[in-house]
């Protein structure tokens, strides 16, 4: 059977230099049922492509099977309104599946809709702490660039997600596309399993945001890395932290943000630590200087002493020094004498000076 993953749609294009009517490539979106033992388990809106990979990957990342050899057969049936993937499990896997059977319906934006219990949605991700894989900044930025060159559907439509698998020294060894970000990741999982590629040997690269199910599925693959073009959700960050996964997001050009487990990345983390140490030394100096002023004015009546400290710092400290003082004060003022901290309310913040200048 064959359903085209891309169609054309007529549209009116409004541009700066005028308006015209023309066709544009758009991705197809098809209801795809994943059925086990003749009963529909999930219906996902997906791109009509890579059905075998989808069946295998979904079964693996949802924990329905542990290994491919637990699947007896996969048959793809084209029905009038969509596609039905009939998956037959071997006895042991089928027994487990029947014990935890549930039904869900997932639109493009969500892979968790319809789950019958909160516990199912909040299931913990597989632990990947034992991985010794490390990457450097060229691996991160290069992997995203490589994946962008392996997205033929997106190149034609601009409306399809991709998931790829990057191995240091080899590059992107597999990639799959779909209108649903989680579908693309499931298809990638199936492709890796069929090819016998160890999920712990590389990083999952995605072109979407990172939601919790993306972390769960990447962990099910066995990868200690998920690298994304867009931002993560808070729950995704917490889940990645707990599972031992390194979550890198907002990869734009040569820049990116590391949200969890930076120890696997060779990106100048030592420089960050040195800067933090330098900042602590700088703050220690500011605290010492402010407290010396405080000791002098403590001999005055309290209100006069507080005013004297503020007047002295406003008059003699340059904006850089006062900025460092407020960094300490805003962090809780640890180390400052009480009278100095109290004087902070009357000390001018550098930004305030710029605003009134």
Protein backbone atom coordinates (compact mmCIF):
# COMPACT_ATOMS: atom_id res chain seq x y z
CA UNK A 1 0.00 0.00 0.00
CA UNK A 2 1.13 3.56 -0.58
CA UNK A 3 -0.14 6.88 0.65
CA UNK A 4 1.83 9.98 -0.40
CA UNK A 5 3.29 11.81 2.60
CA UNK A 6 3.11 15.12 0.72
CA UNK A 7 0.29 16.71 -1.27
CA UNK A 8 -0.28 20.10 -2.88
CA UNK A 9 -2.75 22.75 -1.85
CA UNK A 10 -3.81 25.83 -3.74
CA UNK A 11 -3.30 29.06 -1.86
CA UNK A 12 -3.23 32.81 -2.34
CA UNK A 13 0.26 34.08 -1.56
CA UNK A 14 0.47 37.66 -0.30
CA UNK A 15 3.95 39.14 -0.58
CA UNK A 16 5.49 42.60 -0.42
CA UNK A 17 5.55 42.82 -4.20
CA UNK A 18 1.99 41.63 -4.70
CA UNK A 19 -0.52 38.79 -4.43
CA UNK A 20 -0.70 35.65 -6.54
CA UNK A 21 -2.36 32.24 -6.59
CA UNK A 22 -0.13 29.17 -6.62
CA UNK A 23 0.21 25.65 -5.27
CA UNK A 24 2.24 24.77 -2.19
CA UNK A 25 3.48 21.44 -0.88
CA UNK A 26 1.81 20.43 2.39
CA UNK A 27 2.31 17.31 4.52
CA UNK A 28 -0.37 14.66 4.74
CA UNK A 29 -1.79 13.83 8.16
CA UNK A 30 -3.38 10.41 8.49
CA UNK A 31 -5.08 8.57 11.37
CA UNK A 32 -2.82 5.61 12.15
CA UNK A 33 -4.13 2.94 14.48
CA UNK A 34 -1.72 0.73 16.38
CA UNK A 35 -3.58 -2.49 17.14
CA UNK A 36 -2.45 -5.42 19.27
CA UNK A 37 -4.20 -8.80 19.14
CA UNK A 38 -6.85 -7.30 16.91
CA UNK A 39 -7.77 -4.50 19.31
CA UNK A 40 -6.89 -0.84 18.75
CA UNK A 41 -4.54 0.41 21.43
CA UNK A 42 -3.71 3.87 20.10
CA UNK A 43 -4.70 6.16 17.25
CA UNK A 44 -2.13 8.76 16.30
CA UNK A 45 -2.31 11.47 13.66
CA UNK A 46 0.86 10.77 11.73
CA UNK A 47 2.67 11.05 8.42
CA UNK A 48 1.83 8.04 6.20
CA UNK A 49 5.39 6.72 6.00
CA UNK A 50 7.73 4.30 7.80
CA UNK A 51 4.88 2.26 9.29
CA UNK A 52 7.04 -0.71 10.30
CA UNK A 53 9.45 1.57 12.13
CA UNK A 54 6.49 3.26 13.82
CA UNK A 55 5.06 -0.06 15.03
CA UNK A 56 8.37 -1.30 16.38
CA UNK A 57 9.43 1.99 17.92
CA UNK A 58 6.09 2.72 19.59
CA UNK A 59 6.03 -0.79 21.03
CA UNK A 60 9.52 -0.30 22.46
CA UNK A 61 9.24 3.25 23.80
CA UNK A 62 5.83 2.59 25.38
CA UNK A 63 7.22 -0.48 27.16
CA UNK A 64 4.90 -2.91 25.39
CA UNK A 65 7.92 -4.98 24.36
CA UNK A 66 11.50 -5.14 25.57
CA UNK A 67 13.05 -6.63 22.43
CA UNK A 68 12.06 -6.90 18.78
CA UNK A 69 11.90 -10.68 19.00
CA UNK A 70 8.79 -10.29 21.17
CA UNK A 71 6.85 -9.24 18.05
CA UNK A 72 5.51 -12.12 15.97
CA UNK A 73 4.33 -10.03 12.99
CA UNK A 74 3.42 -6.56 11.75
CA UNK A 75 0.82 -6.04 9.03
CA UNK A 76 -0.09 -2.64 7.63
CA UNK A 77 -3.66 -2.38 6.41
CA UNK A 78 -4.97 0.55 4.38
CA UNK A 79 -8.54 1.20 5.46
CA UNK A 80 -10.93 3.79 4.09
CA UNK A 81 -10.31 6.47 6.69
CA UNK A 82 -6.67 5.77 7.56
CA UNK A 83 -4.12 3.09 8.29
CA UNK A 84 -4.37 0.21 10.74
CA UNK A 85 -1.08 -1.36 11.86
CA UNK A 86 -1.84 -4.84 13.19
CA UNK A 87 0.85 -6.01 15.60
CA UNK A 88 0.86 -9.56 16.91
CA UNK A 89 2.89 -10.19 20.06
CA UNK A 90 4.45 -13.44 21.13
CA UNK A 91 2.92 -15.18 24.14
CA UNK A 92 5.00 -13.69 26.97
CA UNK A 93 4.78 -10.13 25.66
CA UNK A 94 1.08 -10.51 24.92
CA UNK A 95 0.40 -11.64 28.49
CA UNK A 96 2.19 -8.57 29.88
CA UNK A 97 0.40 -6.30 27.45
CA UNK A 98 -3.05 -7.57 28.34
CA UNK A 99 -2.27 -6.95 32.01
CA UNK A 100 -1.57 -3.26 31.44
CA UNK A 101 -3.81 -2.55 28.49
CA UNK A 102 -4.98 0.96 28.02
CA UNK A 103 -6.44 3.07 25.25
CA UNK A 104 -5.25 6.48 24.11
CA UNK A 105 -5.88 8.88 21.23
CA UNK A 106 -3.09 11.24 20.34
CA UNK A 107 -3.46 14.35 18.16
CA UNK A 108 -0.41 15.86 16.50
CA UNK A 109 0.60 17.95 19.49
CA UNK A 110 0.34 15.31 22.19
CA UNK A 111 1.45 11.74 22.74
CA UNK A 112 -0.19 11.32 26.14
CA UNK A 113 -3.87 12.14 25.53
CA UNK A 114 -6.33 9.54 26.75
CA UNK A 115 -4.06 7.76 29.19
CA UNK A 116 -6.33 6.42 31.88
CA UNK A 117 -4.18 7.17 34.93
CA UNK A 118 -1.94 9.99 36.03
CA UNK A 119 0.67 7.41 37.02
CA UNK A 120 0.91 6.28 33.38
CA UNK A 121 1.57 9.82 32.21
CA UNK A 122 4.09 10.45 34.99
CA UNK A 123 5.98 7.19 34.65
CA UNK A 124 9.68 7.48 35.39
CA UNK A 125 12.15 7.40 32.53
CA UNK A 126 14.70 4.61 32.19
CA UNK A 127 17.93 5.31 34.06
CA UNK A 128 20.84 6.18 31.74
CA UNK A 129 23.35 7.30 34.38
CA UNK A 130 25.75 4.46 33.63
CA UNK A 131 26.56 5.79 30.15
CA UNK A 132 30.13 7.01 29.60
CA UNK A 133 29.32 8.80 26.34
CA UNK A 134 30.66 12.35 26.07
CA UNK A 135 30.20 15.00 23.39
CA UNK A 136 31.85 18.32 22.63
CA UNK A 137 30.33 21.54 21.31
CA UNK A 138 31.13 20.64 17.70
CA UNK A 139 29.19 17.39 18.13
CA UNK A 140 26.14 19.29 19.39
CA UNK A 141 26.04 21.99 16.73
CA UNK A 142 27.22 19.69 13.95
CA UNK A 143 24.54 17.08 14.72
CA UNK A 144 21.75 19.64 14.40
CA UNK A 145 23.17 20.92 11.11
CA UNK A 146 23.50 17.39 9.77
CA UNK A 147 19.93 16.52 10.71
CA UNK A 148 18.62 19.58 8.86
CA UNK A 149 20.14 18.13 5.68
CA UNK A 150 18.30 14.83 6.18
CA UNK A 151 14.77 16.24 6.24
CA UNK A 152 13.37 15.91 2.70
CA UNK A 153 9.73 16.24 3.81
CA UNK A 154 10.46 19.38 5.81
CA UNK A 155 12.47 20.85 2.94
CA UNK A 156 9.38 20.57 0.73
CA UNK A 157 6.74 21.62 3.26
CA UNK A 158 8.34 23.45 6.19
CA UNK A 159 5.86 21.65 8.47
CA UNK A 160 7.37 18.34 9.55
CA UNK A 161 9.36 17.34 12.64
CA UNK A 162 12.46 15.16 12.57
CA UNK A 163 14.35 12.92 14.99
CA UNK A 164 17.86 11.70 14.29
CA UNK A 165 20.52 9.63 15.99
CA UNK A 166 24.05 11.00 16.15
CA UNK A 167 27.15 8.92 16.89
CA UNK A 168 30.47 10.74 17.44
CA UNK A 169 32.81 10.11 14.51
CA UNK A 170 29.97 8.80 12.34
CA UNK A 171 27.43 11.61 12.29
CA UNK A 172 23.67 11.14 11.85
CA UNK A 173 23.27 7.40 11.23
CA UNK A 174 19.44 7.37 11.11
CA UNK A 175 16.67 9.95 10.80
CA UNK A 176 12.89 9.89 10.53
CA UNK A 177 10.27 12.59 9.90
CA UNK A 178 6.63 12.98 10.91
CA UNK A 179 4.00 15.65 11.49
CA UNK A 180 4.09 14.60 15.17
CA UNK A 181 7.32 15.08 17.06
CA UNK A 182 6.78 12.00 19.24
CA UNK A 183 5.86 9.94 16.15
CA UNK A 184 9.16 10.90 14.53
CA UNK A 185 10.99 9.74 17.66
CA UNK A 186 9.07 6.45 17.74
CA UNK A 187 9.93 5.85 14.08
CA UNK A 188 13.58 6.57 14.85
CA UNK A 189 13.48 4.09 17.74
CA UNK A 190 12.14 1.41 15.41
CA UNK A 191 14.75 2.16 12.75
CA UNK A 192 17.57 1.91 15.31
CA UNK A 193 16.25 -1.37 16.68
CA UNK A 194 15.93 -2.90 13.20
CA UNK A 195 19.48 -1.83 12.35
CA UNK A 196 20.84 -3.21 15.63
CA UNK A 197 22.25 0.18 16.67
CA UNK A 198 22.92 0.50 20.40
CA UNK A 199 20.89 3.41 21.76
CA UNK A 200 23.59 4.14 24.32
CA UNK A 201 26.18 4.82 21.62
CA UNK A 202 24.85 8.20 20.57
CA UNK A 203 22.53 11.16 21.05
CA UNK A 204 18.90 11.69 20.09
CA UNK A 205 18.54 14.91 18.09
CA UNK A 206 15.09 16.47 17.62
CA UNK A 207 13.82 19.53 15.79
CA UNK A 208 11.02 20.21 18.26
CA UNK A 209 10.56 21.33 21.83
CA UNK A 210 11.34 18.77 24.53
CA UNK A 211 8.28 17.61 26.46
CA UNK A 212 8.32 14.88 29.07
CA UNK A 213 7.36 12.06 26.69
CA UNK A 214 10.31 12.96 24.46
CA UNK A 215 12.65 12.42 27.42
CA UNK A 216 10.87 9.17 28.33
CA UNK A 217 11.17 7.85 24.77
CA UNK A 218 14.83 8.89 24.40
CA UNK A 219 15.59 7.10 27.67
CA UNK A 220 13.70 4.02 26.44
CA UNK A 221 15.99 4.03 23.40
CA UNK A 222 18.89 4.05 25.87
CA UNK A 223 20.46 7.35 24.86
CA UNK A 224 22.05 9.51 27.56
CA UNK A 225 21.54 12.65 25.45
CA UNK A 226 18.59 14.50 23.99
CA UNK A 227 19.48 17.55 21.91
CA UNK A 228 16.75 19.88 20.67
CA UNK A 229 16.35 22.97 18.54
CA UNK A 230 13.60 24.36 20.78
CA UNK A 231 13.11 24.71 24.53
CA UNK A 232 12.20 22.05 27.14
CA UNK A 233 9.30 22.01 29.55
CA UNK A 234 9.97 22.14 33.28
CA UNK A 235 8.77 18.54 33.71
CA UNK A 236 11.07 17.41 30.92
CA UNK A 237 14.03 19.01 32.71
CA UNK A 238 13.13 17.35 36.02
CA UNK A 239 12.64 13.98 34.34
CA UNK A 240 15.95 14.21 32.48
CA UNK A 241 17.74 15.16 35.69
CA UNK A 242 16.30 12.18 37.56
CA UNK A 243 17.05 9.71 34.77
CA UNK A 244 20.65 10.87 34.38
CA UNK A 245 20.11 12.25 30.89
CA UNK A 246 21.96 15.26 29.49
CA UNK A 247 19.37 17.65 28.04
CA UNK A 248 20.67 20.22 25.58
CA UNK A 249 18.18 22.63 24.00
CA UNK A 250 17.80 25.85 22.05
CA UNK A 251 20.58 24.88 19.67
CA UNK A 252 20.87 27.88 17.35
CA UNK A 253 23.97 28.14 15.20
CA UNK A 254 26.93 27.73 17.53
CA UNK A 255 24.96 28.47 20.70
CA UNK A 256 22.97 26.18 22.97
CA UNK A 257 21.80 25.74 26.56
CA UNK A 258 22.62 22.76 28.78
CA UNK A 259 19.86 22.05 31.31
CA UNK A 260 20.94 18.79 32.96
CA UNK A 261 24.08 16.72 33.55
CA UNK A 262 26.68 19.00 31.90
CA UNK A 263 29.45 16.65 33.04
CA UNK A 264 29.08 14.70 29.79
CA UNK A 265 29.88 17.76 27.70
CA UNK A 266 33.34 19.07 26.90
CA UNK A 267 32.27 22.67 26.46
CA UNK A 268 34.45 24.67 28.80
CA UNK A 269 32.57 23.71 31.96
CA UNK A 270 35.90 24.29 33.74
CA UNK A 271 35.78 27.89 32.49
CA UNK A 272 32.31 28.26 34.01
CA UNK A 273 33.55 26.86 37.29
CA UNK A 274 36.55 29.20 37.23
CA UNK A 275 34.23 32.15 36.57
CA UNK A 276 32.02 31.10 39.47
CA UNK A 277 35.09 30.90 41.71
CA UNK A 278 36.22 34.32 40.47
CA UNK A 279 32.76 35.70 41.21
CA UNK A 280 32.92 34.31 44.74
CA UNK A 281 36.33 35.93 45.28
CA UNK A 282 35.01 39.24 43.92
CA UNK A 283 32.00 39.09 46.22
CA UNK A 284 34.20 38.24 49.21
CA UNK A 285 36.22 41.39 48.56
CA UNK A 286 33.07 43.55 48.31
CA UNK A 287 31.71 42.06 51.55
CA UNK A 288 34.99 42.76 53.33
CA UNK A 289 35.10 46.39 52.11
CA UNK A 290 31.45 47.03 52.98
CA UNK A 291 31.88 45.55 56.46
CA UNK A 292 34.95 47.73 57.11
CA UNK A 293 32.76 50.76 56.43
CA UNK A 294 30.08 49.26 58.64
CA UNK A 295 32.48 48.78 61.57
CA UNK A 296 33.42 52.46 61.43
CA UNK A 297 29.80 53.69 61.41
CA UNK A 298 28.61 51.25 64.08
CA UNK A 299 30.11 53.61 66.66
CA UNK A 300 27.53 56.24 65.64
CA UNK A 301 23.85 56.28 66.71
CA UNK A 302 22.12 53.57 64.72
CA UNK A 303 20.11 55.73 62.29
CA UNK A 304 23.11 58.00 61.72
CA UNK A 305 25.34 55.00 61.12
CA UNK A 306 22.98 53.48 58.55
CA UNK A 307 22.73 56.80 56.71
CA UNK A 308 26.50 57.27 56.87
CA UNK A 309 27.21 53.89 55.28
CA UNK A 310 24.80 54.59 52.42
CA UNK A 311 26.18 58.09 51.88
CA UNK A 312 29.77 56.84 51.84
CA UNK A 313 29.09 54.03 49.35
CA UNK A 314 26.97 56.29 47.11
CA UNK A 315 29.70 58.91 47.08
CA UNK A 316 32.87 56.84 46.75
CA UNK A 317 31.97 53.52 45.15
CA UNK A 318 31.85 53.35 41.37
CA UNK A 319 28.81 51.68 39.72
CA UNK A 320 30.69 48.40 39.16
CA UNK A 321 31.37 48.04 42.89
CA UNK A 322 27.78 48.87 43.83
CA UNK A 323 26.53 46.37 41.27
CA UNK A 324 28.63 43.68 42.96
CA UNK A 325 27.30 44.80 46.35
CA UNK A 326 23.72 44.32 45.17
CA UNK A 327 24.58 40.92 43.72
CA UNK A 328 25.48 39.90 47.27
CA UNK A 329 22.50 41.66 48.87
CA UNK A 330 19.97 40.26 46.37
CA UNK A 331 21.33 36.75 46.98
CA UNK A 332 20.48 37.05 50.67
CA UNK A 333 23.29 39.27 51.96
CA UNK A 334 25.22 36.41 53.54
CA UNK A 335 28.40 37.73 55.18
CA UNK A 336 27.27 41.36 55.40
CA UNK A 337 27.02 42.99 58.81
CA UNK A 338 23.36 43.72 59.69
CA UNK A 339 23.89 47.49 59.63
CA UNK A 340 25.40 47.27 56.14
CA UNK A 341 22.52 45.17 54.83
CA UNK A 342 20.07 47.69 56.31
CA UNK A 343 21.88 50.54 54.56
CA UNK A 344 21.28 48.80 51.24
CA UNK A 345 17.79 50.32 51.05
CA UNK A 346 19.38 53.79 50.68
CA UNK A 347 22.22 52.83 48.35
CA UNK A 348 21.69 53.71 44.69
CA UNK A 349 21.56 50.83 42.24
CA UNK A 350 23.60 51.55 39.08
CA UNK A 351 20.56 50.90 36.84
CA UNK A 352 18.58 53.54 38.74
CA UNK A 353 21.27 56.11 37.97
CA UNK A 354 21.02 55.33 34.24
CA UNK A 355 17.23 55.62 34.39
CA UNK A 356 17.34 59.10 35.98
CA UNK A 357 20.30 60.43 34.00
